[in-house]
Amino acid sequence: MFSAKEIEYINSIKVSVVSDPEFIKAFAHDLNQGTCSDWDWPSHGTMEAFGIKFTCWRGSERMASFTAFEDYLLTDDGHCFWYESGFPDVTVFRPQEIVPFQLRYACARNLVHIWILLTMKAAPYPDPNHWCDAVRDAFQSRGVTSGGRKKRLYSDAWIAETLTCPSLRSSTDSHSPNHARASTLDGRTVDVWQSDYAMNSNCKRTSPPDTVFLFETKAGWNQHGGPELFTFDNHEPKGGCALLNDGLGTRKFIRTEEEVKQLRWK
């Protein structure tokens, strides 16, 4: 998904400083919604690489330090706070230089969400003429039963976002919601369904592992075909995501027409 040069550049951006008092005030408010837990979490030495490290200062005085994960945080003195609907949004703190790369990663993650749903059962892939319908309907049907009532895991708003490239949204949020976020996402209605992804018409469950299964295209619905539909225009730097049929959810970021031709489409 990233070239060696891109990885080197991303890794060079280690620290982001935020001083806007309104951002900090809002973030502190969200932090206060956590629930203190006495669970025995691993030490920072084994977990720190997977989280975002925060250090808070007032002038030259260090006030607090903690590491944030997807739905909890660990303070440096060993306390844990859990967030039922996921950790507060940290996108306002990210360096703007890496936003395009985060959006690319989120786009590829959308393809994985779709791929997992389509491959959960040992059944043929859906009819390419109706594959988006099949994805939407399958997400809508998934739920959990509580108190005798079935509650959907995925709102229509969440499904719509999963079927579209994050780089093209008006929002710059690159965090695809987990199940908890999906179930509590606002009740926005979806008037027009569209997807920025297409299915390779020639890809079957039994096709070779390196066959393209899903890939980026222009906005539409139930789009299917081959390399003629591939687009490089959804991202900056230019390129598009493709997911292979290898059963592992392998994704590639394709940057040139020559790379598109080198992919297996049949």
C-alpha atoms as a PDB file:
ATOM      1  CA  MET A   1       0.000   0.000   0.000  1.00  0.00           C
ATOM      2  CA  PHE A   2       2.970   2.306   0.587  1.00  0.00           C
ATOM      3  CA  SER A   3       6.263   2.642  -1.211  1.00  0.00           C
ATOM      4  CA  ALA A   4       9.542   2.494   0.689  1.00  0.00           C
ATOM      5  CA  LYS A   5       9.938   6.245   0.186  1.00  0.00           C
ATOM      6  CA  GLU A   6       6.436   6.921   1.546  1.00  0.00           C
ATOM      7  CA  ILE A   7       7.059   4.752   4.599  1.00  0.00           C
ATOM      8  CA  GLU A   8      10.298   6.613   5.274  1.00  0.00           C
ATOM      9  CA  TYR A   9       8.470   9.939   5.017  1.00  0.00           C
ATOM     10  CA  ILE A  10       5.609   8.855   7.304  1.00  0.00           C
ATOM     11  CA  ASN A  11       8.049   7.523   9.894  1.00  0.00           C
ATOM     12  CA  SER A  12       9.915  10.839   9.857  1.00  0.00           C
ATOM     13  CA  ILE A  13       6.848  12.602  11.304  1.00  0.00           C
ATOM     14  CA  LYS A  14       7.006  11.480  14.913  1.00  0.00           C
ATOM     15  CA  VAL A  15       5.567  14.392  16.885  1.00  0.00           C
ATOM     16  CA  SER A  16       2.555  16.657  16.458  1.00  0.00           C
ATOM     17  CA  VAL A  17       2.023  19.636  18.782  1.00  0.00           C
ATOM     18  CA  VAL A  18      -1.520  20.908  19.416  1.00  0.00           C
ATOM     19  CA  SER A  19      -2.019  24.187  21.293  1.00  0.00           C
ATOM     20  CA  ASP A  20      -5.511  25.266  20.203  1.00  0.00           C
ATOM     21  CA  PRO A  21      -7.407  25.637  23.519  1.00  0.00           C
ATOM     22  CA  GLU A  22     -10.777  24.797  21.936  1.00  0.00           C
ATOM     23  CA  PHE A  23      -9.470  21.515  20.522  1.00  0.00           C
ATOM     24  CA  ILE A  24      -7.903  20.634  23.860  1.00  0.00           C
ATOM     25  CA  LYS A  25     -11.030  21.552  25.826  1.00  0.00           C
ATOM     26  CA  ALA A  26     -13.266  19.424  23.595  1.00  0.00           C
ATOM     27  CA  PHE A  27     -10.822  16.502  23.715  1.00  0.00           C
ATOM     28  CA  ALA A  28     -10.609  16.711  27.520  1.00  0.00           C
ATOM     29  CA  HIS A  29     -14.408  16.637  27.718  1.00  0.00           C
ATOM     30  CA  ASP A  30     -14.496  13.457  25.609  1.00  0.00           C
ATOM     31  CA  LEU A  31     -11.745  11.869  27.693  1.00  0.00           C
ATOM     32  CA  ASN A  32     -13.888  12.344  30.784  1.00  0.00           C
ATOM     33  CA  GLN A  33     -16.518  10.008  29.312  1.00  0.00           C
ATOM     34  CA  GLY A  34     -14.273   6.995  29.888  1.00  0.00           C
ATOM     35  CA  THR A  35     -14.958   4.381  32.549  1.00  0.00           C
ATOM     36  CA  CYS A  36     -12.148   3.522  34.952  1.00  0.00           C
ATOM     37  CA  SER A  37     -11.310  -0.181  34.817  1.00  0.00           C
ATOM     38  CA  ASP A  38      -9.243  -2.379  37.104  1.00  0.00           C
ATOM     39  CA  TRP A  39      -8.423  -4.879  34.376  1.00  0.00           C
ATOM     40  CA  ASP A  40      -4.863  -6.155  34.345  1.00  0.00           C
ATOM     41  CA  TRP A  41      -3.590  -4.669  31.100  1.00  0.00           C
ATOM     42  CA  PRO A  42      -0.149  -5.447  29.612  1.00  0.00           C
ATOM     43  CA  SER A  43       2.681  -3.105  30.470  1.00  0.00           C
ATOM     44  CA  HIS A  44       3.422  -0.183  28.174  1.00  0.00           C
ATOM     45  CA  GLY A  45       6.591  -1.928  27.102  1.00  0.00           C
ATOM     46  CA  THR A  46       4.610  -4.512  25.149  1.00  0.00           C
ATOM     47  CA  MET A  47       1.690  -2.336  23.983  1.00  0.00           C
ATOM     48  CA  GLU A  48       3.013   1.152  23.372  1.00  0.00           C
ATOM     49  CA  ALA A  49       3.949   0.480  19.757  1.00  0.00           C
ATOM     50  CA  PHE A  50       0.282  -0.085  18.906  1.00  0.00           C
ATOM     51  CA  GLY A  51      -1.117   3.137  20.385  1.00  0.00           C
ATOM     52  CA  ILE A  52      -0.828   6.920  20.200  1.00  0.00           C
ATOM     53  CA  LYS A  53       1.246   8.521  22.931  1.00  0.00           C
ATOM     54  CA  PHE A  54      -0.106  11.748  24.483  1.00  0.00           C
ATOM     55  CA  THR A  55       1.832  14.053  26.804  1.00  0.00           C
ATOM     56  CA  CYS A  56       0.010  17.062  28.230  1.00  0.00           C
ATOM     57  CA  TRP A  57       1.778  20.231  29.401  1.00  0.00           C
ATOM     58  CA  ARG A  58       0.780  23.475  31.087  1.00  0.00           C
ATOM     59  CA  GLY A  59       3.645  25.801  30.360  1.00  0.00           C
ATOM     60  CA  SER A  60       6.743  23.848  31.380  1.00  0.00           C
ATOM     61  CA  GLU A  61       4.837  21.598  33.793  1.00  0.00           C
ATOM     62  CA  ARG A  62       4.041  18.083  32.637  1.00  0.00           C
ATOM     63  CA  MET A  63       0.432  17.387  33.671  1.00  0.00           C
ATOM     64  CA  ALA A  64      -0.417  13.944  32.315  1.00  0.00           C
ATOM     65  CA  SER A  65       0.777  11.211  29.984  1.00  0.00           C
ATOM     66  CA  PHE A  66      -1.105   8.265  28.507  1.00  0.00           C
ATOM     67  CA  THR A  67      -1.319   5.955  25.504  1.00  0.00           C
ATOM     68  CA  ALA A  68      -4.569   5.747  23.522  1.00  0.00           C
ATOM     69  CA  PHE A  69      -5.837   2.666  21.720  1.00  0.00           C
ATOM     70  CA  GLU A  70      -9.036   1.939  19.764  1.00  0.00           C
ATOM     71  CA  ASP A  71     -11.407   1.895  22.729  1.00  0.00           C
ATOM     72  CA  TYR A  72      -9.317   2.493  25.858  1.00  0.00           C
ATOM     73  CA  LEU A  73      -6.348   4.389  27.240  1.00  0.00           C
ATOM     74  CA  LEU A  74      -3.564   3.486  29.647  1.00  0.00           C
ATOM     75  CA  THR A  75      -2.030   6.136  31.887  1.00  0.00           C
ATOM     76  CA  ASP A  76       1.678   6.040  32.627  1.00  0.00           C
ATOM     77  CA  ASP A  77       0.899   5.201  36.249  1.00  0.00           C
ATOM     78  CA  GLY A  78      -1.057   2.081  35.270  1.00  0.00           C
ATOM     79  CA  HIS A  79      -4.709   3.186  35.225  1.00  0.00           C
ATOM     80  CA  CYS A  80      -7.021   2.069  32.441  1.00  0.00           C
ATOM     81  CA  PHE A  81     -10.067   3.904  31.064  1.00  0.00           C
ATOM     82  CA  TRP A  82     -12.459   2.159  28.684  1.00  0.00           C
ATOM     83  CA  TYR A  83     -14.673   3.870  26.061  1.00  0.00           C
ATOM     84  CA  GLU A  84     -17.778   1.905  25.087  1.00  0.00           C
ATOM     85  CA  SER A  85     -18.242   3.666  21.754  1.00  0.00           C
ATOM     86  CA  GLY A  86     -14.567   3.885  20.902  1.00  0.00           C
ATOM     87  CA  PHE A  87     -11.813   6.261  21.899  1.00  0.00           C
ATOM     88  CA  PRO A  88     -12.520   9.991  21.277  1.00  0.00           C
ATOM     89  CA  ASP A  89     -11.749  11.258  17.794  1.00  0.00           C
ATOM     90  CA  VAL A  90      -8.070  12.139  17.499  1.00  0.00           C
ATOM     91  CA  THR A  91      -8.102  13.232  13.856  1.00  0.00           C
ATOM     92  CA  VAL A  92      -7.786  16.909  14.851  1.00  0.00           C
ATOM     93  CA  PHE A  93      -4.333  16.131  16.249  1.00  0.00           C
ATOM     94  CA  ARG A  94      -2.828  14.341  13.277  1.00  0.00           C
ATOM     95  CA  PRO A  95      -0.174  16.104  11.174  1.00  0.00           C
ATOM     96  CA  GLN A  96      -1.791  17.282   7.940  1.00  0.00           C
ATOM     97  CA  GLU A  97       1.134  15.894   5.936  1.00  0.00           C
ATOM     98  CA  ILE A  98       0.051  12.314   6.589  1.00  0.00           C
ATOM     99  CA  VAL A  99      -3.703  12.774   6.003  1.00  0.00           C
ATOM    100  CA  PRO A 100      -3.569  11.522   2.357  1.00  0.00           C
ATOM    101  CA  PHE A 101      -1.811   8.352   3.494  1.00  0.00           C
ATOM    102  CA  GLN A 102      -4.305   7.741   6.301  1.00  0.00           C
ATOM    103  CA  LEU A 103      -7.175   8.178   3.856  1.00  0.00           C
ATOM    104  CA  ARG A 104      -5.537   5.703   1.489  1.00  0.00           C
ATOM    105  CA  TYR A 105      -5.201   3.205   4.323  1.00  0.00           C
ATOM    106  CA  ALA A 106      -8.862   3.759   5.324  1.00  0.00           C
ATOM    107  CA  CYS A 107      -9.939   3.192   1.729  1.00  0.00           C
ATOM    108  CA  ALA A 108      -8.087  -0.122   1.630  1.00  0.00           C
ATOM    109  CA  ARG A 109      -9.688  -1.038   4.951  1.00  0.00           C
ATOM    110  CA  ASN A 110     -13.122  -0.483   3.407  1.00  0.00           C
ATOM    111  CA  LEU A 111     -12.263  -3.104   0.799  1.00  0.00           C
ATOM    112  CA  VAL A 112     -11.361  -5.517   3.588  1.00  0.00           C
ATOM    113  CA  HIS A 113     -14.697  -4.935   5.361  1.00  0.00           C
ATOM    114  CA  ILE A 114     -16.507  -5.737   2.109  1.00  0.00           C
ATOM    115  CA  TRP A 115     -14.291  -8.732   1.347  1.00  0.00           C
ATOM    116  CA  ILE A 116     -14.813 -10.246   4.808  1.00  0.00           C
ATOM    117  CA  LEU A 117     -18.571  -9.948   4.442  1.00  0.00           C
ATOM    118  CA  LEU A 118     -18.574 -11.559   0.998  1.00  0.00           C
ATOM    119  CA  THR A 119     -16.305 -14.445   2.010  1.00  0.00           C
ATOM    120  CA  MET A 120     -17.753 -15.320   5.423  1.00  0.00           C
ATOM    121  CA  LYS A 121     -19.773 -18.183   3.936  1.00  0.00           C
ATOM    122  CA  ALA A 122     -18.459 -20.844   1.570  1.00  0.00           C
ATOM    123  CA  ALA A 123     -20.782 -19.708  -1.212  1.00  0.00           C
ATOM    124  CA  PRO A 124     -20.194 -18.348  -4.716  1.00  0.00           C
ATOM    125  CA  TYR A 125     -19.454 -14.666  -5.007  1.00  0.00           C
ATOM    126  CA  PRO A 126     -22.583 -12.569  -5.653  1.00  0.00           C
ATOM    127  CA  ASP A 127     -23.840 -11.839  -9.144  1.00  0.00           C
ATOM    128  CA  PRO A 128     -21.636  -8.946 -10.369  1.00  0.00           C
ATOM    129  CA  ASN A 129     -24.780  -7.203 -11.624  1.00  0.00           C
ATOM    130  CA  HIS A 130     -26.058  -6.947  -8.038  1.00  0.00           C
ATOM    131  CA  TRP A 131     -22.966  -7.186  -5.857  1.00  0.00           C
ATOM    132  CA  CYS A 132     -23.426  -3.780  -4.165  1.00  0.00           C
ATOM    133  CA  ASP A 133     -27.034  -4.692  -3.393  1.00  0.00           C
ATOM    134  CA  ALA A 134     -25.789  -7.939  -1.839  1.00  0.00           C
ATOM    135  CA  VAL A 135     -23.234  -6.095   0.312  1.00  0.00           C
ATOM    136  CA  ARG A 136     -25.743  -3.505   1.516  1.00  0.00           C
ATOM    137  CA  ASP A 137     -28.406  -6.119   2.278  1.00  0.00           C
ATOM    138  CA  ALA A 138     -25.962  -8.368   4.125  1.00  0.00           C
ATOM    139  CA  PHE A 139     -24.703  -5.503   6.310  1.00  0.00           C
ATOM    140  CA  GLN A 140     -28.280  -4.419   7.038  1.00  0.00           C
ATOM    141  CA  SER A 141     -29.268  -7.934   8.108  1.00  0.00           C
ATOM    142  CA  ARG A 142     -26.472  -8.379  10.625  1.00  0.00           C
ATOM    143  CA  GLY A 143     -27.398  -7.746  14.223  1.00  0.00           C
ATOM    144  CA  VAL A 144     -27.441  -8.933  17.798  1.00  0.00           C
ATOM    145  CA  THR A 145     -30.437  -9.935  19.904  1.00  0.00           C
ATOM    146  CA  SER A 146     -30.817  -8.295  23.295  1.00  0.00           C
ATOM    147  CA  GLY A 147     -33.880  -8.413  25.516  1.00  0.00           C
ATOM    148  CA  GLY A 148     -35.791 -10.270  22.849  1.00  0.00           C
ATOM    149  CA  ARG A 149     -35.161  -7.528  20.278  1.00  0.00           C
ATOM    150  CA  LYS A 150     -32.719  -7.594  17.396  1.00  0.00           C
ATOM    151  CA  LYS A 151     -30.472  -4.581  17.075  1.00  0.00           C
ATOM    152  CA  ARG A 152     -28.597  -3.812  13.863  1.00  0.00           C
ATOM    153  CA  LEU A 153     -24.831  -3.774  14.026  1.00  0.00           C
ATOM    154  CA  TYR A 154     -24.429  -1.446  11.058  1.00  0.00           C
ATOM    155  CA  SER A 155     -26.418   1.710  10.344  1.00  0.00           C
ATOM    156  CA  ASP A 156     -27.145   2.767   6.768  1.00  0.00           C
ATOM    157  CA  ALA A 157     -24.797   5.734   7.234  1.00  0.00           C
ATOM    158  CA  TRP A 158     -21.966   3.386   8.203  1.00  0.00           C
ATOM    159  CA  ILE A 159     -22.664   1.087   5.240  1.00  0.00           C
ATOM    160  CA  ALA A 160     -22.705   4.046   2.850  1.00  0.00           C
ATOM    161  CA  GLU A 161     -19.336   5.254   4.151  1.00  0.00           C
ATOM    162  CA  THR A 162     -17.837   1.768   3.859  1.00  0.00           C
ATOM    163  CA  LEU A 163     -18.843   1.647   0.193  1.00  0.00           C
ATOM    164  CA  THR A 164     -17.204   4.981  -0.635  1.00  0.00           C
ATOM    165  CA  CYS A 165     -13.594   6.140  -0.743  1.00  0.00           C
ATOM    166  CA  PRO A 166     -12.756   8.295   2.333  1.00  0.00           C
ATOM    167  CA  SER A 167     -10.602  10.588   0.192  1.00  0.00           C
ATOM    168  CA  LEU A 168     -13.735  11.756  -1.622  1.00  0.00           C
ATOM    169  CA  ARG A 169     -15.873  12.476   1.433  1.00  0.00           C
ATOM    170  CA  SER A 170     -16.435  15.998   2.715  1.00  0.00           C
ATOM    171  CA  SER A 171     -15.316  14.681   6.127  1.00  0.00           C
ATOM    172  CA  THR A 172     -11.613  14.091   6.682  1.00  0.00           C
ATOM    173  CA  ASP A 173     -12.248  11.366   9.249  1.00  0.00           C
ATOM    174  CA  SER A 174     -10.234   8.315   8.247  1.00  0.00           C
ATOM    175  CA  HIS A 175     -11.388   6.166  11.151  1.00  0.00           C
ATOM    176  CA  SER A 176     -13.740   3.464   9.969  1.00  0.00           C
ATOM    177  CA  PRO A 177     -16.142   2.745  12.833  1.00  0.00           C
ATOM    178  CA  ASN A 178     -15.913  -0.507  14.740  1.00  0.00           C
ATOM    179  CA  HIS A 179     -19.086  -2.411  15.658  1.00  0.00           C
ATOM    180  CA  ALA A 180     -19.789  -0.230  18.694  1.00  0.00           C
ATOM    181  CA  ARG A 181     -19.455   2.966  16.697  1.00  0.00           C
ATOM    182  CA  ALA A 182     -21.516   1.515  13.859  1.00  0.00           C
ATOM    183  CA  SER A 183     -24.423   0.706  16.141  1.00  0.00           C
ATOM    184  CA  THR A 184     -24.442   4.201  17.660  1.00  0.00           C
ATOM    185  CA  LEU A 185     -23.793   6.176  14.459  1.00  0.00           C
ATOM    186  CA  ASP A 186     -26.459   8.803  13.873  1.00  0.00           C
ATOM    187  CA  GLY A 187     -29.653   7.823  12.104  1.00  0.00           C
ATOM    188  CA  ARG A 188     -28.932   9.615   8.859  1.00  0.00           C
ATOM    189  CA  THR A 189     -30.976   8.268   5.965  1.00  0.00           C
ATOM    190  CA  VAL A 190     -29.319   7.365   2.677  1.00  0.00           C
ATOM    191  CA  ASP A 191     -31.317   8.798  -0.213  1.00  0.00           C
ATOM    192  CA  VAL A 192     -29.024   7.651  -3.014  1.00  0.00           C
ATOM    193  CA  TRP A 193     -26.748   4.648  -2.696  1.00  0.00           C
ATOM    194  CA  GLN A 194     -23.443   4.726  -4.522  1.00  0.00           C
ATOM    195  CA  SER A 195     -20.080   3.038  -4.350  1.00  0.00           C
ATOM    196  CA  ASP A 196     -16.572   4.015  -5.402  1.00  0.00           C
ATOM    197  CA  TYR A 197     -15.635   0.349  -5.756  1.00  0.00           C
ATOM    198  CA  ALA A 198     -16.178  -2.183  -8.529  1.00  0.00           C
ATOM    199  CA  MET A 199     -16.088  -5.962  -8.721  1.00  0.00           C
ATOM    200  CA  ASN A 200     -14.006  -7.831 -11.267  1.00  0.00           C
ATOM    201  CA  SER A 201     -16.609  -9.675 -13.367  1.00  0.00           C
ATOM    202  CA  ASN A 202     -14.165 -12.478 -14.131  1.00  0.00           C
ATOM    203  CA  CYS A 203     -13.198 -13.204 -10.522  1.00  0.00           C
ATOM    204  CA  LYS A 204     -14.698 -16.341  -8.979  1.00  0.00           C
ATOM    205  CA  ARG A 205     -14.065 -17.885  -5.587  1.00  0.00           C
ATOM    206  CA  THR A 206     -11.944 -20.496  -7.377  1.00  0.00           C
ATOM    207  CA  SER A 207      -9.932 -17.954  -9.414  1.00  0.00           C
ATOM    208  CA  PRO A 208      -6.143 -17.800  -8.870  1.00  0.00           C
ATOM    209  CA  PRO A 209      -5.116 -16.000  -5.661  1.00  0.00           C
ATOM    210  CA  ASP A 210      -3.524 -13.065  -7.477  1.00  0.00           C
ATOM    211  CA  THR A 211      -6.703 -12.260  -9.419  1.00  0.00           C
ATOM    212  CA  VAL A 212      -8.162  -8.811  -8.749  1.00  0.00           C
ATOM    213  CA  PHE A 213     -11.458  -9.151  -6.836  1.00  0.00           C
ATOM    214  CA  LEU A 214     -12.397  -5.556  -5.855  1.00  0.00           C
ATOM    215  CA  PHE A 215     -10.948  -2.249  -7.030  1.00  0.00           C
ATOM    216  CA  GLU A 216     -11.524   1.499  -7.101  1.00  0.00           C
ATOM    217  CA  THR A 217     -13.578   3.192  -9.774  1.00  0.00           C
ATOM    218  CA  LYS A 218     -15.717   6.282 -10.337  1.00  0.00           C
ATOM    219  CA  ALA A 219     -18.904   6.671  -8.302  1.00  0.00           C
ATOM    220  CA  GLY A 220     -21.731   4.350  -9.313  1.00  0.00           C
ATOM    221  CA  TRP A 221     -23.605   1.276  -8.116  1.00  0.00           C
ATOM    222  CA  ASN A 222     -23.147  -2.425  -8.880  1.00  0.00           C
ATOM    223  CA  GLN A 223     -20.260  -1.523 -11.175  1.00  0.00           C
ATOM    224  CA  HIS A 224     -18.367  -4.508 -12.511  1.00  0.00           C
ATOM    225  CA  GLY A 225     -15.871  -5.147 -15.241  1.00  0.00           C
ATOM    226  CA  GLY A 226     -12.117  -5.008 -15.635  1.00  0.00           C
ATOM    227  CA  PRO A 227      -9.192  -2.596 -15.928  1.00  0.00           C
ATOM    228  CA  GLU A 228     -11.192  -0.187 -18.083  1.00  0.00           C
ATOM    229  CA  LEU A 229     -13.082   0.874 -14.924  1.00  0.00           C
ATOM    230  CA  PHE A 230     -10.017   1.414 -12.753  1.00  0.00           C
ATOM    231  CA  THR A 231      -9.441   5.013 -11.626  1.00  0.00           C
ATOM    232  CA  PHE A 232      -6.383   6.833 -10.291  1.00  0.00           C
ATOM    233  CA  ASP A 233      -8.333   9.999  -9.439  1.00  0.00           C
ATOM    234  CA  ASN A 234      -9.696   9.216  -5.969  1.00  0.00           C
ATOM    235  CA  HIS A 235      -6.402   9.828  -4.173  1.00  0.00           C
ATOM    236  CA  GLU A 236      -3.543  12.283  -3.965  1.00  0.00           C
ATOM    237  CA  PRO A 237      -0.828  11.214  -4.719  1.00  0.00           C
ATOM    238  CA  LYS A 238      -2.620   9.625  -7.675  1.00  0.00           C
ATOM    239  CA  GLY A 239      -3.512   5.956  -7.548  1.00  0.00           C
ATOM    240  CA  GLY A 240      -6.192   3.431  -6.646  1.00  0.00           C
ATOM    241  CA  CYS A 241      -6.649   0.441  -4.346  1.00  0.00           C
ATOM    242  CA  ALA A 242      -7.184  -3.139  -5.455  1.00  0.00           C
ATOM    243  CA  LEU A 243      -7.934  -6.232  -3.358  1.00  0.00           C
ATOM    244  CA  LEU A 244      -6.796  -9.671  -4.494  1.00  0.00           C
ATOM    245  CA  ASN A 245      -8.559 -13.049  -4.370  1.00  0.00           C
ATOM    246  CA  ASP A 246      -5.932 -14.737  -2.186  1.00  0.00           C
ATOM    247  CA  GLY A 247      -8.161 -15.256   0.866  1.00  0.00           C
ATOM    248  CA  LEU A 248      -5.916 -12.986   2.930  1.00  0.00           C
ATOM    249  CA  GLY A 249      -7.373  -9.605   2.063  1.00  0.00           C
ATOM    250  CA  THR A 250      -4.174  -8.541   0.321  1.00  0.00           C
ATOM    251  CA  ARG A 251      -4.404  -5.007  -1.039  1.00  0.00           C
ATOM    252  CA  LYS A 252      -2.244  -3.063  -3.456  1.00  0.00           C
ATOM    253  CA  PHE A 253      -2.042   0.621  -4.295  1.00  0.00           C
ATOM    254  CA  ILE A 254      -1.757   0.939  -8.070  1.00  0.00           C
ATOM    255  CA  ARG A 255      -0.067   4.076  -9.346  1.00  0.00           C
ATOM    256  CA  THR A 256       0.339   3.682 -13.120  1.00  0.00           C
ATOM    257  CA  GLU A 257      -1.425   2.233 -16.170  1.00  0.00           C
ATOM    258  CA  GLU A 258       1.460  -0.206 -16.534  1.00  0.00           C
ATOM    259  CA  GLU A 259       0.847  -1.543 -13.021  1.00  0.00           C
ATOM    260  CA  VAL A 260      -2.839  -2.006 -13.865  1.00  0.00           C
ATOM    261  CA  LYS A 261      -1.884  -4.095 -16.902  1.00  0.00           C
ATOM    262  CA  GLN A 262       0.423  -6.246 -14.761  1.00  0.00           C
ATOM    263  CA  LEU A 263      -2.465  -7.287 -12.490  1.00  0.00           C
ATOM    264  CA  ARG A 264      -4.331 -10.533 -13.203  1.00  0.00           C
ATOM    265  CA  TRP A 265      -7.861  -9.726 -14.341  1.00  0.00           C
ATOM    266  CA  LYS A 266      -8.793 -13.110 -15.891  1.00  0.00           C
END
